[in-house]
C-alpha atoms as a PDB file:
ATOM      1  CA  UNK A   1       0.001  -0.002  -0.001  1.00  0.00           C
ATOM      2  CA  UNK A   2       2.776   2.450   0.871  1.00  0.00           C
ATOM      3  CA  UNK A   3       4.638   1.491  -2.299  1.00  0.00           C
ATOM      4  CA  UNK A   4       1.562   2.355  -4.409  1.00  0.00           C
ATOM      5  CA  UNK A   5       1.054   5.639  -2.563  1.00  0.00           C
ATOM      6  CA  UNK A   6       4.816   6.497  -3.023  1.00  0.00           C
ATOM      7  CA  UNK A   7       4.641   5.888  -6.782  1.00  0.00           C
ATOM      8  CA  UNK A   8       1.308   7.710  -7.112  1.00  0.00           C
ATOM      9  CA  UNK A   9       2.752  10.791  -5.402  1.00  0.00           C
ATOM     10  CA  UNK A  10       6.033  10.509  -7.433  1.00  0.00           C
ATOM     11  CA  UNK A  11       3.974  10.411 -10.670  1.00  0.00           C
ATOM     12  CA  UNK A  12       1.849  13.293  -9.601  1.00  0.00           C
ATOM     13  CA  UNK A  13       4.900  15.440  -8.697  1.00  0.00           C
ATOM     14  CA  UNK A  14       6.548  14.561 -12.011  1.00  0.00           C
ATOM     15  CA  UNK A  15       3.441  15.523 -13.878  1.00  0.00           C
ATOM     16  CA  UNK A  16       3.159  18.867 -12.131  1.00  0.00           C
ATOM     17  CA  UNK A  17       6.879  19.584 -12.758  1.00  0.00           C
ATOM     18  CA  UNK A  18       6.610  18.647 -16.463  1.00  0.00           C
ATOM     19  CA  UNK A  19       3.424  20.711 -16.943  1.00  0.00           C
ATOM     20  CA  UNK A  20       5.152  23.714 -15.306  1.00  0.00           C
ATOM     21  CA  UNK A  21       8.226  23.373 -17.522  1.00  0.00           C
ATOM     22  CA  UNK A  22       6.198  23.022 -20.734  1.00  0.00           C
ATOM     23  CA  UNK A  23       3.965  25.994 -19.784  1.00  0.00           C
ATOM     24  CA  UNK A  24       7.023  28.191 -19.154  1.00  0.00           C
ATOM     25  CA  UNK A  25       8.592  27.092 -22.465  1.00  0.00           C
ATOM     26  CA  UNK A  26       5.410  27.848 -24.392  1.00  0.00           C
ATOM     27  CA  UNK A  27       5.102  31.259 -22.764  1.00  0.00           C
ATOM     28  CA  UNK A  28       8.802  32.064 -23.416  1.00  0.00           C
ATOM     29  CA  UNK A  29       8.504  30.996 -27.126  1.00  0.00           C
ATOM     30  CA  UNK A  30       5.290  32.901 -27.901  1.00  0.00           C
ATOM     31  CA  UNK A  31       5.616  35.696 -30.470  1.00  0.00           C
ATOM     32  CA  UNK A  32       4.875  38.407 -27.957  1.00  0.00           C
ATOM     33  CA  UNK A  33       7.569  37.156 -25.564  1.00  0.00           C
ATOM     34  CA  UNK A  34      10.122  36.804 -28.375  1.00  0.00           C
ATOM     35  CA  UNK A  35       9.408  40.351 -29.576  1.00  0.00           C
ATOM     36  CA  UNK A  36       9.769  41.691 -26.050  1.00  0.00           C
ATOM     37  CA  UNK A  37      12.995  39.810 -25.549  1.00  0.00           C
ATOM     38  CA  UNK A  38      14.366  41.133 -28.836  1.00  0.00           C
ATOM     39  CA  UNK A  39      13.365  44.729 -27.914  1.00  0.00           C
ATOM     40  CA  UNK A  40      15.020  44.401 -24.493  1.00  0.00           C
ATOM     41  CA  UNK A  41      18.200  43.142 -26.027  1.00  0.00           C
ATOM     42  CA  UNK A  42      18.212  45.895 -28.660  1.00  0.00           C
ATOM     43  CA  UNK A  43      17.845  48.475 -25.881  1.00  0.00           C
ATOM     44  CA  UNK A  44      20.682  46.903 -23.952  1.00  0.00           C
ATOM     45  CA  UNK A  45      22.878  46.884 -27.078  1.00  0.00           C
ATOM     46  CA  UNK A  46      22.020  50.507 -27.757  1.00  0.00           C
ATOM     47  CA  UNK A  47      23.000  51.475 -24.211  1.00  0.00           C
ATOM     48  CA  UNK A  48      26.309  49.558 -24.508  1.00  0.00           C
ATOM     49  CA  UNK A  49      27.016  51.342 -27.842  1.00  0.00           C
ATOM     50  CA  UNK A  50      26.288  54.746 -26.311  1.00  0.00           C
ATOM     51  CA  UNK A  51      28.604  54.018 -23.410  1.00  0.00           C
ATOM     52  CA  UNK A  52      31.333  52.819 -25.818  1.00  0.00           C
ATOM     53  CA  UNK A  53      30.942  55.996 -27.961  1.00  0.00           C
ATOM     54  CA  UNK A  54      31.134  58.137 -24.831  1.00  0.00           C
ATOM     55  CA  UNK A  55      34.334  56.354 -23.721  1.00  0.00           C
ATOM     56  CA  UNK A  56      35.826  56.809 -27.156  1.00  0.00           C
ATOM     57  CA  UNK A  57      35.016  60.531 -27.220  1.00  0.00           C
ATOM     58  CA  UNK A  58      36.512  60.982 -23.786  1.00  0.00           C
ATOM     59  CA  UNK A  59      39.640  59.087 -24.856  1.00  0.00           C
ATOM     60  CA  UNK A  60      39.931  61.170 -27.974  1.00  0.00           C
ATOM     61  CA  UNK A  61      39.586  64.428 -25.998  1.00  0.00           C
ATOM     62  CA  UNK A  62      42.195  63.264 -23.539  1.00  0.00           C
ATOM     63  CA  UNK A  63      44.599  62.252 -26.253  1.00  0.00           C
ATOM     64  CA  UNK A  64      44.041  65.466 -28.173  1.00  0.00           C
ATOM     65  CA  UNK A  65      44.867  67.444 -25.021  1.00  0.00           C
ATOM     66  CA  UNK A  66      48.003  65.388 -24.529  1.00  0.00           C
ATOM     67  CA  UNK A  67      49.101  65.979 -28.116  1.00  0.00           C
ATOM     68  CA  UNK A  68      48.403  69.689 -27.856  1.00  0.00           C
ATOM     69  CA  UNK A  69      50.388  69.932 -24.722  1.00  0.00           C
ATOM     70  CA  UNK A  70      53.300  67.941 -26.242  1.00  0.00           C
ATOM     71  CA  UNK A  71      53.323  70.200 -29.339  1.00  0.00           C
ATOM     72  CA  UNK A  72      52.986  73.408 -27.300  1.00  0.00           C
ATOM     73  CA  UNK A  73      49.620  74.337 -28.812  1.00  0.00           C
ATOM     74  CA  UNK A  74      47.873  75.069 -25.489  1.00  0.00           C
ATOM     75  CA  UNK A  75      48.493  77.973 -23.203  1.00  0.00           C
ATOM     76  CA  UNK A  76      51.213  80.551 -23.659  1.00  0.00           C
ATOM     77  CA  UNK A  77      51.378  83.327 -26.178  1.00  0.00           C
ATOM     78  CA  UNK A  78      48.981  82.869 -29.131  1.00  0.00           C
ATOM     79  CA  UNK A  79      51.503  84.578 -31.475  1.00  0.00           C
ATOM     80  CA  UNK A  80      54.076  81.875 -30.768  1.00  0.00           C
ATOM     81  CA  UNK A  81      51.712  79.060 -31.705  1.00  0.00           C
ATOM     82  CA  UNK A  82      52.302  77.527 -35.139  1.00  0.00           C
ATOM     83  CA  UNK A  83      49.719  78.642 -37.674  1.00  0.00           C
ATOM     84  CA  UNK A  84      48.042  76.224 -40.038  1.00  0.00           C
ATOM     85  CA  UNK A  85      49.341  76.139 -43.631  1.00  0.00           C
ATOM     86  CA  UNK A  86      47.253  77.892 -46.253  1.00  0.00           C
ATOM     87  CA  UNK A  87      46.976  76.372 -49.721  1.00  0.00           C
ATOM     88  CA  UNK A  88      47.378  78.461 -52.782  1.00  0.00           C
ATOM     89  CA  UNK A  89      44.116  79.256 -54.572  1.00  0.00           C
ATOM     90  CA  UNK A  90      45.736  79.290 -58.054  1.00  0.00           C
ATOM     91  CA  UNK A  91      46.273  75.583 -58.612  1.00  0.00           C
ATOM     92  CA  UNK A  92      45.975  73.953 -62.036  1.00  0.00           C
ATOM     93  CA  UNK A  93      44.288  70.852 -60.812  1.00  0.00           C
ATOM     94  CA  UNK A  94      41.430  69.541 -63.006  1.00  0.00           C
ATOM     95  CA  UNK A  95      37.945  69.675 -61.636  1.00  0.00           C
ATOM     96  CA  UNK A  96      36.710  66.353 -60.231  1.00  0.00           C
ATOM     97  CA  UNK A  97      34.553  64.260 -62.589  1.00  0.00           C
ATOM     98  CA  UNK A  98      31.301  63.523 -60.893  1.00  0.00           C
ATOM     99  CA  UNK A  99      29.147  60.403 -61.372  1.00  0.00           C
ATOM    100  CA  UNK A 100      31.904  58.287 -62.846  1.00  0.00           C
ATOM    101  CA  UNK A 101      33.153  55.353 -60.828  1.00  0.00           C
ATOM    102  CA  UNK A 102      35.546  52.578 -61.656  1.00  0.00           C
ATOM    103  CA  UNK A 103      34.212  49.053 -61.386  1.00  0.00           C
ATOM    104  CA  UNK A 104      36.699  46.273 -62.033  1.00  0.00           C
ATOM    105  CA  UNK A 105      33.941  43.875 -63.021  1.00  0.00           C
ATOM    106  CA  UNK A 106      32.819  46.119 -65.934  1.00  0.00           C
ATOM    107  CA  UNK A 107      36.247  45.932 -67.557  1.00  0.00           C
ATOM    108  CA  UNK A 108      36.312  43.805 -70.735  1.00  0.00           C
ATOM    109  CA  UNK A 109      39.337  41.677 -70.988  1.00  0.00           C
ATOM    110  CA  UNK A 110      40.718  41.113 -74.466  1.00  0.00           C
ATOM    111  CA  UNK A 111      41.736  37.457 -74.893  1.00  0.00           C
END
């Protein structure tokens, strides 16, 4: 009698456990749940990308300050700072051709 009761309770507990697992899996794999999960992950990825971009900008600003200090471009007399080079306006360079691009696959090989 106790053996039958033990196996009955074991079967009932296993059934409840399996039903709970299947119900959770069905809920997790429903279209609404998948869409919500994708949206959450997209938001997390966006936040990580923003943090990365912020870190990159901060590093760039720090490095730019270091370079300006090393080259003597910050502080001091503005007249002693090196001035940027100016290009001559009278150059004989041809105007750029617009709309034409080179595509290696359009080239016809002569065999």
